[in-house]
Amino acid sequence: MAEAWKQTALLVIDMQKDLILPYSPAAVKGGEAIVPNVIKAVELARNRDLPIIWVVREHDSLGRDVELFRRHFYAADKTKLVVKGSSGAELVEGLEIKSHDYKLIKTRFSAFHNTNLHSYLQGAGISKIVVCGNLNLNININSFLRQTVFDAVSLDYDEVTVIVDATAAATSEIHCANVVDMKNIGVATPTLEEWCHANN
């Protein structure tokens, strides 16, 4: 690994079929469009020998671990989303968790909430994180990715980066507004091409 990339990890957030593909009521508009860039970001991370953390939602089929305000979606007559072991909880085609990657299961918006992500990163000597993936449940950026990013800043990671064209939101206006918010707290927001050429 190049010196510039030491202590850096890539987080890929919620790139699951039930959260990306258009058949799902939870799919983010434009989610499919970012899949190629997420694939490229993962390939680049592998080429740079960066640790890759796959952050996924997986829920109990009865919704017992789902936020209270969403539990009604797991009633008997509902189509349940990202249920552990279901095809909808799988990553979209083109993305694969390899044996040396790390899979982190979360049940809330932030990847840091009630998980071992922070301790895992500290144990691996990671002080810089790069984030890409799914942003929300068709509402706005701050459900998934933004919550994780704000928590990372609160936890004093040296650098937090979001690859802006490897993320999606319900509209371009929502995406842009939230990118501005993240920039305002010191988050770097390069395009994939800019990140590709950084520190080469």
N, C-alpha and C. Protein backbone atom coordinates (compact mmCIF):
# COMPACT_ATOMS: atom_id res chain seq x y z
N MET A 1 0.85 -1.19 0.00
CA MET A 1 0.00 0.00 0.00
C MET A 1 0.88 1.25 0.00
N ALA A 2 0.54 2.22 -0.85
CA ALA A 2 1.28 3.47 -0.88
C ALA A 2 1.16 4.18 0.47
N GLU A 3 2.22 4.91 0.81
CA GLU A 3 2.25 5.59 2.10
C GLU A 3 1.02 6.47 2.30
N ALA A 4 0.58 7.14 1.21
CA ALA A 4 -0.55 8.07 1.31
C ALA A 4 -1.85 7.38 1.70
N TRP A 5 -1.94 6.07 1.46
CA TRP A 5 -3.19 5.37 1.72
C TRP A 5 -3.17 4.54 2.99
N LYS A 6 -2.06 4.59 3.71
CA LYS A 6 -2.02 3.89 4.99
C LYS A 6 -3.07 4.49 5.92
N GLN A 7 -3.64 3.66 6.74
CA GLN A 7 -4.64 4.07 7.73
C GLN A 7 -5.96 4.51 7.08
N THR A 8 -6.21 4.09 5.83
CA THR A 8 -7.45 4.44 5.12
C THR A 8 -8.26 3.18 4.84
N ALA A 9 -9.58 3.28 5.03
CA ALA A 9 -10.49 2.18 4.71
C ALA A 9 -11.66 2.71 3.88
N LEU A 10 -12.22 1.83 3.06
CA LEU A 10 -13.41 2.16 2.27
C LEU A 10 -14.63 1.52 2.92
N LEU A 11 -15.67 2.34 3.17
CA LEU A 11 -16.96 1.84 3.64
C LEU A 11 -17.95 1.88 2.49
N VAL A 12 -18.55 0.74 2.19
CA VAL A 12 -19.58 0.65 1.15
C VAL A 12 -20.90 0.40 1.87
N ILE A 13 -21.82 1.34 1.73
CA ILE A 13 -23.01 1.34 2.58
C ILE A 13 -24.29 0.93 1.83
N ASP A 14 -24.93 -0.12 2.31
CA ASP A 14 -26.30 -0.49 1.92
C ASP A 14 -26.52 -0.65 0.41
N MET A 15 -25.58 -1.29 -0.25
CA MET A 15 -25.74 -1.54 -1.69
C MET A 15 -26.43 -2.89 -1.89
N GLN A 16 -27.64 -2.99 -1.36
CA GLN A 16 -28.39 -4.24 -1.37
C GLN A 16 -29.58 -4.13 -2.32
N LYS A 17 -29.99 -5.26 -2.83
CA LYS A 17 -31.04 -5.30 -3.85
C LYS A 17 -32.31 -4.58 -3.39
N ASP A 18 -32.76 -4.86 -2.17
CA ASP A 18 -34.00 -4.24 -1.69
C ASP A 18 -33.89 -2.73 -1.53
N LEU A 19 -32.66 -2.20 -1.47
CA LEU A 19 -32.46 -0.77 -1.27
C LEU A 19 -32.02 -0.05 -2.53
N ILE A 20 -31.76 -0.80 -3.60
CA ILE A 20 -31.23 -0.21 -4.84
C ILE A 20 -32.13 -0.48 -6.05
N LEU A 21 -32.59 -1.70 -6.20
CA LEU A 21 -33.28 -2.08 -7.44
C LEU A 21 -34.70 -1.51 -7.46
N PRO A 22 -35.18 -1.10 -8.65
CA PRO A 22 -36.44 -0.34 -8.75
C PRO A 22 -37.70 -1.11 -8.37
N TYR A 23 -37.64 -2.44 -8.25
CA TYR A 23 -38.83 -3.19 -7.83
C TYR A 23 -39.23 -2.87 -6.40
N SER A 24 -38.29 -2.36 -5.62
CA SER A 24 -38.52 -2.20 -4.19
C SER A 24 -39.10 -0.84 -3.85
N PRO A 25 -40.05 -0.77 -2.92
CA PRO A 25 -40.59 0.53 -2.49
C PRO A 25 -39.55 1.33 -1.71
N ALA A 26 -38.47 0.70 -1.28
CA ALA A 26 -37.43 1.40 -0.52
C ALA A 26 -36.27 1.86 -1.40
N ALA A 27 -36.34 1.56 -2.70
CA ALA A 27 -35.21 1.90 -3.58
C ALA A 27 -35.04 3.40 -3.73
N VAL A 28 -33.78 3.83 -3.73
CA VAL A 28 -33.46 5.24 -3.94
C VAL A 28 -33.50 5.54 -5.43
N LYS A 29 -34.15 6.64 -5.80
CA LYS A 29 -34.14 7.05 -7.20
C LYS A 29 -32.70 7.23 -7.65
N GLY A 30 -32.38 6.67 -8.78
CA GLY A 30 -31.01 6.81 -9.29
C GLY A 30 -30.03 5.87 -8.63
N GLY A 31 -30.52 5.01 -7.75
CA GLY A 31 -29.61 4.09 -7.06
C GLY A 31 -28.87 3.18 -8.01
N GLU A 32 -29.59 2.66 -9.01
CA GLU A 32 -28.93 1.78 -9.98
C GLU A 32 -27.83 2.50 -10.74
N ALA A 33 -28.01 3.79 -10.96
CA ALA A 33 -27.05 4.55 -11.76
C ALA A 33 -25.68 4.66 -11.11
N ILE A 34 -25.62 4.55 -9.78
CA ILE A 34 -24.32 4.69 -9.12
C ILE A 34 -23.58 3.36 -9.00
N VAL A 35 -24.24 2.25 -9.32
CA VAL A 35 -23.61 0.94 -9.15
C VAL A 35 -22.27 0.85 -9.87
N PRO A 36 -22.16 1.27 -11.15
CA PRO A 36 -20.85 1.18 -11.81
C PRO A 36 -19.74 1.95 -11.09
N ASN A 37 -20.06 3.12 -10.55
CA ASN A 37 -19.04 3.89 -9.84
C ASN A 37 -18.67 3.26 -8.50
N VAL A 38 -19.65 2.65 -7.84
CA VAL A 38 -19.34 1.94 -6.60
C VAL A 38 -18.44 0.75 -6.90
N ILE A 39 -18.74 0.04 -7.97
CA ILE A 39 -17.88 -1.09 -8.38
C ILE A 39 -16.46 -0.60 -8.63
N LYS A 40 -16.32 0.54 -9.33
CA LYS A 40 -14.99 1.09 -9.62
C LYS A 40 -14.28 1.52 -8.34
N ALA A 41 -15.02 2.11 -7.42
CA ALA A 41 -14.41 2.53 -6.15
C ALA A 41 -13.88 1.32 -5.39
N VAL A 42 -14.63 0.23 -5.38
CA VAL A 42 -14.19 -0.99 -4.71
C VAL A 42 -12.94 -1.55 -5.41
N GLU A 43 -12.95 -1.57 -6.74
CA GLU A 43 -11.79 -2.06 -7.48
C GLU A 43 -10.55 -1.23 -7.16
N LEU A 44 -10.72 0.09 -7.12
CA LEU A 44 -9.60 0.97 -6.81
C LEU A 44 -9.10 0.73 -5.39
N ALA A 45 -10.03 0.56 -4.46
CA ALA A 45 -9.63 0.27 -3.08
C ALA A 45 -8.85 -1.04 -3.01
N ARG A 46 -9.29 -2.04 -3.75
CA ARG A 46 -8.55 -3.31 -3.77
C ARG A 46 -7.16 -3.11 -4.35
N ASN A 47 -7.06 -2.34 -5.43
CA ASN A 47 -5.74 -2.07 -6.04
C ASN A 47 -4.82 -1.33 -5.09
N ARG A 48 -5.40 -0.50 -4.21
CA ARG A 48 -4.60 0.24 -3.23
C ARG A 48 -4.42 -0.54 -1.93
N ASP A 49 -4.95 -1.75 -1.90
CA ASP A 49 -4.84 -2.63 -0.74
C ASP A 49 -5.48 -2.02 0.50
N LEU A 50 -6.60 -1.31 0.29
CA LEU A 50 -7.32 -0.72 1.41
C LEU A 50 -8.28 -1.74 2.01
N PRO A 51 -8.46 -1.74 3.32
CA PRO A 51 -9.52 -2.56 3.90
C PRO A 51 -10.88 -2.09 3.38
N ILE A 52 -11.74 -3.05 3.07
CA ILE A 52 -13.09 -2.73 2.59
C ILE A 52 -14.09 -3.24 3.61
N ILE A 53 -14.94 -2.32 4.09
CA ILE A 53 -15.98 -2.68 5.04
C ILE A 53 -17.32 -2.57 4.33
N TRP A 54 -18.03 -3.69 4.25
CA TRP A 54 -19.35 -3.72 3.64
C TRP A 54 -20.38 -3.54 4.74
N VAL A 55 -21.04 -2.40 4.73
CA VAL A 55 -22.06 -2.10 5.73
C VAL A 55 -23.42 -2.45 5.15
N VAL A 56 -24.10 -3.38 5.78
CA VAL A 56 -25.40 -3.83 5.26
C VAL A 56 -26.45 -3.81 6.36
N ARG A 57 -27.69 -3.60 5.94
CA ARG A 57 -28.83 -3.77 6.85
C ARG A 57 -29.33 -5.20 6.71
N GLU A 58 -29.56 -5.84 7.84
CA GLU A 58 -30.22 -7.14 7.85
C GLU A 58 -31.16 -7.16 9.03
N HIS A 59 -32.42 -7.51 8.77
CA HIS A 59 -33.41 -7.48 9.83
C HIS A 59 -34.05 -8.84 10.07
N ASP A 60 -34.50 -9.02 11.26
CA ASP A 60 -35.31 -10.16 11.66
C ASP A 60 -36.60 -10.15 10.82
N SER A 61 -37.08 -11.32 10.44
CA SER A 61 -38.27 -11.38 9.57
C SER A 61 -39.52 -10.82 10.23
N LEU A 62 -39.55 -10.77 11.55
CA LEU A 62 -40.69 -10.19 12.26
C LEU A 62 -40.49 -8.71 12.59
N GLY A 63 -39.36 -8.16 12.19
CA GLY A 63 -39.10 -6.74 12.41
C GLY A 63 -38.81 -6.37 13.85
N ARG A 64 -38.39 -7.33 14.65
CA ARG A 64 -38.16 -7.06 16.07
C ARG A 64 -36.94 -6.18 16.33
N ASP A 65 -36.05 -6.06 15.33
CA ASP A 65 -34.87 -5.22 15.49
C ASP A 65 -34.93 -3.96 14.63
N VAL A 66 -36.10 -3.66 14.10
CA VAL A 66 -36.32 -2.48 13.25
C VAL A 66 -36.72 -1.30 14.13
N GLU A 67 -36.38 -0.08 13.69
CA GLU A 67 -36.80 1.11 14.42
C GLU A 67 -38.31 1.06 14.66
N LEU A 68 -38.74 1.56 15.79
CA LEU A 68 -40.17 1.51 16.13
C LEU A 68 -41.03 2.16 15.07
N PHE A 69 -40.56 3.29 14.50
CA PHE A 69 -41.41 4.02 13.55
C PHE A 69 -41.56 3.28 12.22
N ARG A 70 -40.75 2.21 11.99
CA ARG A 70 -40.85 1.44 10.74
C ARG A 70 -41.34 0.02 10.97
N ARG A 71 -41.66 -0.33 12.18
CA ARG A 71 -42.01 -1.73 12.47
C ARG A 71 -43.28 -2.18 11.76
N HIS A 72 -44.19 -1.25 11.49
CA HIS A 72 -45.43 -1.64 10.82
C HIS A 72 -45.18 -2.19 9.41
N PHE A 73 -44.01 -1.87 8.83
CA PHE A 73 -43.68 -2.41 7.52
C PHE A 73 -43.38 -3.91 7.58
N TYR A 74 -43.21 -4.45 8.77
CA TYR A 74 -42.89 -5.87 8.93
C TYR A 74 -44.08 -6.67 9.44
N ALA A 75 -45.28 -6.10 9.31
CA ALA A 75 -46.50 -6.82 9.66
C ALA A 75 -46.68 -8.01 8.72
N ALA A 76 -47.51 -8.95 9.11
CA ALA A 76 -47.66 -10.20 8.37
C ALA A 76 -48.07 -9.99 6.92
N ASP A 77 -48.83 -8.95 6.64
CA ASP A 77 -49.33 -8.73 5.29
C ASP A 77 -48.42 -7.86 4.44
N LYS A 78 -47.25 -7.52 4.94
CA LYS A 78 -46.33 -6.62 4.24
C LYS A 78 -45.20 -7.40 3.58
N THR A 79 -44.64 -6.79 2.53
CA THR A 79 -43.43 -7.32 1.92
C THR A 79 -42.24 -6.79 2.71
N LYS A 80 -41.58 -7.66 3.41
CA LYS A 80 -40.51 -7.24 4.32
C LYS A 80 -39.21 -7.03 3.55
N LEU A 81 -38.45 -6.02 3.96
CA LEU A 81 -37.23 -5.65 3.25
C LEU A 81 -35.98 -6.05 4.03
N VAL A 82 -34.93 -6.33 3.29
CA VAL A 82 -33.60 -6.69 3.81
C VAL A 82 -33.67 -7.65 4.99
N VAL A 83 -34.47 -8.69 4.84
CA VAL A 83 -34.57 -9.73 5.87
C VAL A 83 -33.34 -10.64 5.74
N LYS A 84 -32.73 -10.94 6.87
CA LYS A 84 -31.54 -11.78 6.89
C LYS A 84 -31.80 -13.08 6.13
N GLY A 85 -30.89 -13.40 5.20
CA GLY A 85 -31.00 -14.62 4.41
C GLY A 85 -31.82 -14.51 3.16
N SER A 86 -32.52 -13.39 2.95
CA SER A 86 -33.36 -13.21 1.76
C SER A 86 -32.52 -12.72 0.60
N SER A 87 -33.04 -12.92 -0.62
CA SER A 87 -32.31 -12.44 -1.81
C SER A 87 -32.24 -10.92 -1.82
N GLY A 88 -33.25 -10.25 -1.25
CA GLY A 88 -33.25 -8.80 -1.23
C GLY A 88 -32.19 -8.19 -0.35
N ALA A 89 -31.67 -8.98 0.59
CA ALA A 89 -30.60 -8.50 1.47
C ALA A 89 -29.22 -8.68 0.83
N GLU A 90 -29.17 -9.36 -0.31
CA GLU A 90 -27.89 -9.58 -0.99
C GLU A 90 -27.42 -8.30 -1.67
N LEU A 91 -26.10 -8.22 -1.89
CA LEU A 91 -25.55 -7.09 -2.64
C LEU A 91 -26.03 -7.14 -4.08
N VAL A 92 -26.10 -5.96 -4.72
CA VAL A 92 -26.48 -5.92 -6.13
C VAL A 92 -25.40 -6.59 -6.97
N GLU A 93 -25.78 -7.00 -8.15
CA GLU A 93 -24.85 -7.68 -9.05
C GLU A 93 -23.63 -6.80 -9.34
N GLY A 94 -22.48 -7.42 -9.33
CA GLY A 94 -21.23 -6.70 -9.60
C GLY A 94 -20.45 -6.37 -8.35
N LEU A 95 -21.09 -6.51 -7.18
CA LEU A 95 -20.42 -6.28 -5.91
C LEU A 95 -20.31 -7.60 -5.16
N GLU A 96 -19.16 -7.83 -4.57
CA GLU A 96 -18.91 -9.11 -3.90
C GLU A 96 -18.05 -8.90 -2.66
N ILE A 97 -18.45 -9.52 -1.59
CA ILE A 97 -17.64 -9.51 -0.37
C ILE A 97 -16.62 -10.64 -0.47
N LYS A 98 -15.35 -10.27 -0.43
CA LYS A 98 -14.29 -11.28 -0.52
C LYS A 98 -13.81 -11.66 0.88
N SER A 99 -13.05 -12.74 0.93
CA SER A 99 -12.71 -13.35 2.22
C SER A 99 -11.96 -12.40 3.15
N HIS A 100 -11.15 -11.49 2.61
CA HIS A 100 -10.38 -10.58 3.46
C HIS A 100 -11.12 -9.26 3.73
N ASP A 101 -12.33 -9.11 3.18
CA ASP A 101 -13.15 -7.94 3.48
C ASP A 101 -13.84 -8.13 4.82
N TYR A 102 -14.51 -7.08 5.28
CA TYR A 102 -15.21 -7.15 6.56
C TYR A 102 -16.68 -6.78 6.34
N LYS A 103 -17.58 -7.64 6.77
CA LYS A 103 -19.02 -7.38 6.66
C LYS A 103 -19.54 -6.92 8.01
N LEU A 104 -20.19 -5.77 8.01
CA LEU A 104 -20.75 -5.20 9.24
C LEU A 104 -22.27 -5.10 9.08
N ILE A 105 -22.99 -5.71 9.98
CA ILE A 105 -24.45 -5.67 9.94
C ILE A 105 -24.95 -4.60 10.90
N LYS A 106 -25.82 -3.75 10.39
CA LYS A 106 -26.41 -2.70 11.24
C LYS A 106 -27.93 -2.79 11.15
N THR A 107 -28.59 -2.22 12.16
CA THR A 107 -30.06 -2.20 12.16
C THR A 107 -30.59 -0.78 12.31
N ARG A 108 -29.69 0.19 12.26
CA ARG A 108 -30.08 1.61 12.35
C ARG A 108 -29.40 2.38 11.24
N PHE A 109 -29.67 3.68 11.14
CA PHE A 109 -29.13 4.47 10.03
C PHE A 109 -27.61 4.49 10.03
N SER A 110 -27.01 4.83 11.17
CA SER A 110 -25.56 4.98 11.21
C SER A 110 -24.87 3.63 11.35
N ALA A 111 -23.78 3.46 10.62
CA ALA A 111 -22.97 2.25 10.73
C ALA A 111 -22.25 2.17 12.07
N PHE A 112 -22.20 3.28 12.81
CA PHE A 112 -21.52 3.29 14.10
C PHE A 112 -22.47 2.97 15.27
N HIS A 113 -23.78 3.07 15.03
CA HIS A 113 -24.73 2.93 16.14
C HIS A 113 -24.89 1.48 16.56
N ASN A 114 -24.53 1.19 17.81
CA ASN A 114 -24.65 -0.16 18.37
C ASN A 114 -23.97 -1.23 17.53
N THR A 115 -22.84 -0.88 16.91
CA THR A 115 -22.01 -1.86 16.18
C THR A 115 -20.59 -1.77 16.71
N ASN A 116 -19.74 -2.65 16.21
CA ASN A 116 -18.34 -2.61 16.62
C ASN A 116 -17.46 -1.90 15.58
N LEU A 117 -18.07 -1.09 14.70
CA LEU A 117 -17.31 -0.46 13.63
C LEU A 117 -16.15 0.39 14.17
N HIS A 118 -16.42 1.23 15.16
CA HIS A 118 -15.37 2.11 15.67
C HIS A 118 -14.22 1.31 16.27
N SER A 119 -14.54 0.29 17.05
CA SER A 119 -13.47 -0.51 17.65
C SER A 119 -12.72 -1.31 16.58
N TYR A 120 -13.44 -1.79 15.56
CA TYR A 120 -12.77 -2.49 14.46
C TYR A 120 -11.77 -1.57 13.75
N LEU A 121 -12.21 -0.35 13.43
CA LEU A 121 -11.34 0.60 12.73
C LEU A 121 -10.14 0.98 13.60
N GLN A 122 -10.38 1.23 14.87
CA GLN A 122 -9.28 1.56 15.77
C GLN A 122 -8.28 0.40 15.85
N GLY A 123 -8.78 -0.81 15.97
CA GLY A 123 -7.91 -1.97 16.05
C GLY A 123 -7.09 -2.19 14.80
N ALA A 124 -7.64 -1.76 13.65
CA ALA A 124 -6.93 -1.90 12.38
C ALA A 124 -6.03 -0.70 12.09
N GLY A 125 -6.00 0.26 13.00
CA GLY A 125 -5.16 1.45 12.80
C GLY A 125 -5.69 2.41 11.76
N ILE A 126 -7.02 2.39 11.56
CA ILE A 126 -7.63 3.25 10.54
C ILE A 126 -8.01 4.59 11.16
N SER A 127 -7.54 5.66 10.54
CA SER A 127 -7.89 7.01 10.99
C SER A 127 -8.54 7.83 9.87
N LYS A 128 -8.61 7.25 8.67
CA LYS A 128 -9.20 7.94 7.52
C LYS A 128 -10.21 7.00 6.87
N ILE A 129 -11.42 7.50 6.65
CA ILE A 129 -12.42 6.66 6.00
C ILE A 129 -12.96 7.34 4.74
N VAL A 130 -13.22 6.50 3.76
CA VAL A 130 -13.81 6.92 2.49
C VAL A 130 -15.13 6.19 2.37
N VAL A 131 -16.19 6.91 2.01
CA VAL A 131 -17.53 6.35 2.04
C VAL A 131 -18.18 6.46 0.66
N CYS A 132 -18.85 5.38 0.26
CA CYS A 132 -19.67 5.42 -0.94
C CYS A 132 -20.88 4.53 -0.70
N GLY A 133 -21.86 4.60 -1.59
CA GLY A 133 -23.01 3.72 -1.49
C GLY A 133 -24.34 4.42 -1.41
N ASN A 134 -25.29 3.72 -0.82
CA ASN A 134 -26.67 4.15 -0.78
C ASN A 134 -26.86 5.18 0.33
N LEU A 135 -27.71 6.16 0.05
CA LEU A 135 -27.87 7.25 1.00
C LEU A 135 -29.14 7.18 1.82
N ASN A 136 -30.19 6.61 1.31
CA ASN A 136 -31.45 6.80 2.01
C ASN A 136 -32.53 5.83 1.59
N LEU A 137 -33.72 6.03 2.15
CA LEU A 137 -34.91 5.29 1.74
C LEU A 137 -35.86 6.22 0.98
N ASN A 138 -35.36 6.79 -0.11
CA ASN A 138 -36.17 7.62 -0.99
C ASN A 138 -36.61 8.93 -0.35
N ILE A 139 -35.93 9.37 0.70
CA ILE A 139 -36.33 10.61 1.34
C ILE A 139 -35.22 11.64 1.19
N ASN A 140 -34.12 11.44 1.87
CA ASN A 140 -32.99 12.36 1.73
C ASN A 140 -31.71 11.68 2.16
N ILE A 141 -30.63 12.39 1.96
CA ILE A 141 -29.31 11.81 2.16
C ILE A 141 -29.02 11.45 3.60
N ASN A 142 -29.73 12.06 4.55
CA ASN A 142 -29.26 11.95 5.92
C ASN A 142 -29.68 10.67 6.64
N SER A 143 -30.36 9.77 5.99
CA SER A 143 -30.73 8.54 6.66
C SER A 143 -29.54 7.62 6.88
N PHE A 144 -28.84 7.24 5.82
CA PHE A 144 -27.82 6.21 5.92
C PHE A 144 -26.43 6.81 5.92
N LEU A 145 -26.02 7.23 4.75
CA LEU A 145 -24.64 7.66 4.60
C LEU A 145 -24.34 8.90 5.42
N ARG A 146 -25.20 9.88 5.38
CA ARG A 146 -24.92 11.11 6.11
C ARG A 146 -24.80 10.86 7.62
N GLN A 147 -25.66 10.03 8.17
CA GLN A 147 -25.59 9.75 9.60
C GLN A 147 -24.25 9.11 9.97
N THR A 148 -23.80 8.18 9.13
CA THR A 148 -22.50 7.54 9.35
C THR A 148 -21.38 8.55 9.26
N VAL A 149 -21.45 9.43 8.26
CA VAL A 149 -20.41 10.43 8.06
C VAL A 149 -20.35 11.41 9.23
N PHE A 150 -21.49 11.88 9.68
CA PHE A 150 -21.51 12.82 10.81
C PHE A 150 -20.98 12.14 12.08
N ASP A 151 -21.31 10.87 12.26
CA ASP A 151 -20.78 10.16 13.42
C ASP A 151 -19.26 10.00 13.32
N ALA A 152 -18.75 9.74 12.12
CA ALA A 152 -17.30 9.62 11.94
C ALA A 152 -16.60 10.92 12.28
N VAL A 153 -17.18 12.04 11.88
CA VAL A 153 -16.60 13.34 12.22
C VAL A 153 -16.65 13.55 13.73
N SER A 154 -17.77 13.18 14.36
CA SER A 154 -17.90 13.33 15.81
C SER A 154 -16.89 12.47 16.57
N LEU A 155 -16.51 11.35 15.96
CA LEU A 155 -15.54 10.44 16.59
C LEU A 155 -14.09 10.82 16.28
N ASP A 156 -13.92 11.96 15.60
CA ASP A 156 -12.59 12.54 15.36
C ASP A 156 -11.70 11.72 14.45
N TYR A 157 -12.27 11.12 13.41
CA TYR A 157 -11.41 10.52 12.39
C TYR A 157 -10.65 11.64 11.68
N ASP A 158 -9.40 11.37 11.34
CA ASP A 158 -8.54 12.41 10.77
C ASP A 158 -9.08 12.94 9.45
N GLU A 159 -9.58 12.03 8.63
CA GLU A 159 -10.14 12.42 7.33
C GLU A 159 -11.40 11.60 7.08
N VAL A 160 -12.44 12.28 6.63
CA VAL A 160 -13.67 11.61 6.20
C VAL A 160 -13.96 12.10 4.79
N THR A 161 -14.10 11.16 3.86
CA THR A 161 -14.29 11.47 2.45
C THR A 161 -15.54 10.77 1.93
N VAL A 162 -16.34 11.49 1.16
CA VAL A 162 -17.50 10.91 0.48
C VAL A 162 -17.29 11.06 -1.01
N ILE A 163 -17.34 9.95 -1.74
CA ILE A 163 -17.22 9.99 -3.21
C ILE A 163 -18.59 10.38 -3.76
N VAL A 164 -18.71 11.62 -4.22
CA VAL A 164 -20.04 12.18 -4.46
C VAL A 164 -20.79 11.52 -5.61
N ASP A 165 -20.07 11.03 -6.63
CA ASP A 165 -20.79 10.40 -7.74
C ASP A 165 -20.83 8.87 -7.59
N ALA A 166 -20.53 8.40 -6.39
CA ALA A 166 -20.75 6.99 -6.04
C ALA A 166 -21.75 6.94 -4.90
N THR A 167 -22.63 7.94 -4.86
CA THR A 167 -23.72 8.02 -3.89
C THR A 167 -24.96 8.53 -4.64
N ALA A 168 -26.13 8.26 -4.05
CA ALA A 168 -27.36 8.70 -4.70
C ALA A 168 -28.35 9.21 -3.67
N ALA A 169 -29.18 10.15 -4.08
CA ALA A 169 -30.27 10.65 -3.23
C ALA A 169 -31.53 10.75 -4.07
N ALA A 170 -32.64 11.07 -3.42
CA ALA A 170 -33.93 11.08 -4.11
C ALA A 170 -33.94 12.07 -5.27
N THR A 171 -33.28 13.23 -5.08
CA THR A 171 -33.18 14.22 -6.16
C THR A 171 -31.78 14.82 -6.15
N SER A 172 -31.41 15.45 -7.25
CA SER A 172 -30.10 16.10 -7.32
C SER A 172 -30.03 17.28 -6.35
N GLU A 173 -31.16 17.95 -6.12
CA GLU A 173 -31.18 19.08 -5.19
C GLU A 173 -30.89 18.62 -3.77
N ILE A 174 -31.51 17.51 -3.37
CA ILE A 174 -31.26 16.96 -2.03
C ILE A 174 -29.80 16.53 -1.91
N HIS A 175 -29.29 15.89 -2.94
CA HIS A 175 -27.91 15.44 -2.95
C HIS A 175 -26.97 16.63 -2.77
N CYS A 176 -27.15 17.66 -3.59
CA CYS A 176 -26.27 18.83 -3.54
C CYS A 176 -26.34 19.54 -2.19
N ALA A 177 -27.54 19.69 -1.66
CA ALA A 177 -27.70 20.40 -0.38
C ALA A 177 -26.97 19.66 0.73
N ASN A 178 -27.05 18.36 0.72
CA ASN A 178 -26.41 17.59 1.77
C ASN A 178 -24.90 17.50 1.58
N VAL A 179 -24.44 17.51 0.35
CA VAL A 179 -22.99 17.59 0.10
C VAL A 179 -22.44 18.88 0.68
N VAL A 180 -23.17 19.98 0.50
CA VAL A 180 -22.75 21.26 1.09
C VAL A 180 -22.68 21.14 2.61
N ASP A 181 -23.69 20.52 3.22
CA ASP A 181 -23.69 20.34 4.67
C ASP A 181 -22.46 19.55 5.13
N MET A 182 -22.13 18.51 4.38
CA MET A 182 -20.98 17.69 4.77
C MET A 182 -19.67 18.46 4.58
N LYS A 183 -19.58 19.22 3.51
CA LYS A 183 -18.39 20.06 3.32
C LYS A 183 -18.22 21.03 4.48
N ASN A 184 -19.33 21.54 4.97
CA ASN A 184 -19.29 22.53 6.05
C ASN A 184 -18.77 21.96 7.37
N ILE A 185 -18.74 20.64 7.50
CA ILE A 185 -18.15 20.06 8.72
C ILE A 185 -16.80 19.40 8.42
N GLY A 186 -16.23 19.73 7.26
CA GLY A 186 -14.87 19.31 6.95
C GLY A 186 -14.73 18.01 6.18
N VAL A 187 -15.84 17.49 5.65
CA VAL A 187 -15.79 16.26 4.87
C VAL A 187 -15.33 16.56 3.45
N ALA A 188 -14.39 15.76 2.94
CA ALA A 188 -13.95 15.90 1.55
C ALA A 188 -14.98 15.26 0.63
N THR A 189 -15.24 15.88 -0.52
CA THR A 189 -16.29 15.39 -1.41
C THR A 189 -15.80 15.33 -2.86
N PRO A 190 -14.82 14.48 -3.14
CA PRO A 190 -14.34 14.36 -4.52
C PRO A 190 -15.27 13.52 -5.39
N THR A 191 -15.12 13.68 -6.70
CA THR A 191 -15.73 12.73 -7.62
C THR A 191 -14.88 11.46 -7.62
N LEU A 192 -15.40 10.42 -8.24
CA LEU A 192 -14.62 9.18 -8.33
C LEU A 192 -13.31 9.43 -9.08
N GLU A 193 -13.38 10.18 -10.17
CA GLU A 193 -12.17 10.45 -10.95
C GLU A 193 -11.14 11.22 -10.12
N GLU A 194 -11.61 12.20 -9.36
CA GLU A 194 -10.70 12.96 -8.50
C GLU A 194 -10.07 12.05 -7.44
N TRP A 195 -10.88 11.17 -6.88
CA TRP A 195 -10.34 10.25 -5.87
C TRP A 195 -9.35 9.27 -6.49
N CYS A 196 -9.65 8.85 -7.73
CA CYS A 196 -8.75 7.93 -8.44
C CYS A 196 -7.35 8.52 -8.56
N HIS A 197 -7.28 9.82 -8.80
CA HIS A 197 -5.99 10.46 -9.07
C HIS A 197 -5.37 11.08 -7.81
N ALA A 198 -6.06 11.00 -6.71
CA ALA A 198 -5.53 11.59 -5.48
C ALA A 198 -4.32 10.80 -4.98
N ASN A 199 -3.29 11.52 -4.61
CA ASN A 199 -2.09 10.93 -3.98
C ASN A 199 -1.42 9.86 -4.82
N ASN A 200 -1.58 9.95 -6.15
CA ASN A 200 -0.88 8.98 -7.03
C ASN A 200 0.53 9.45 -7.31
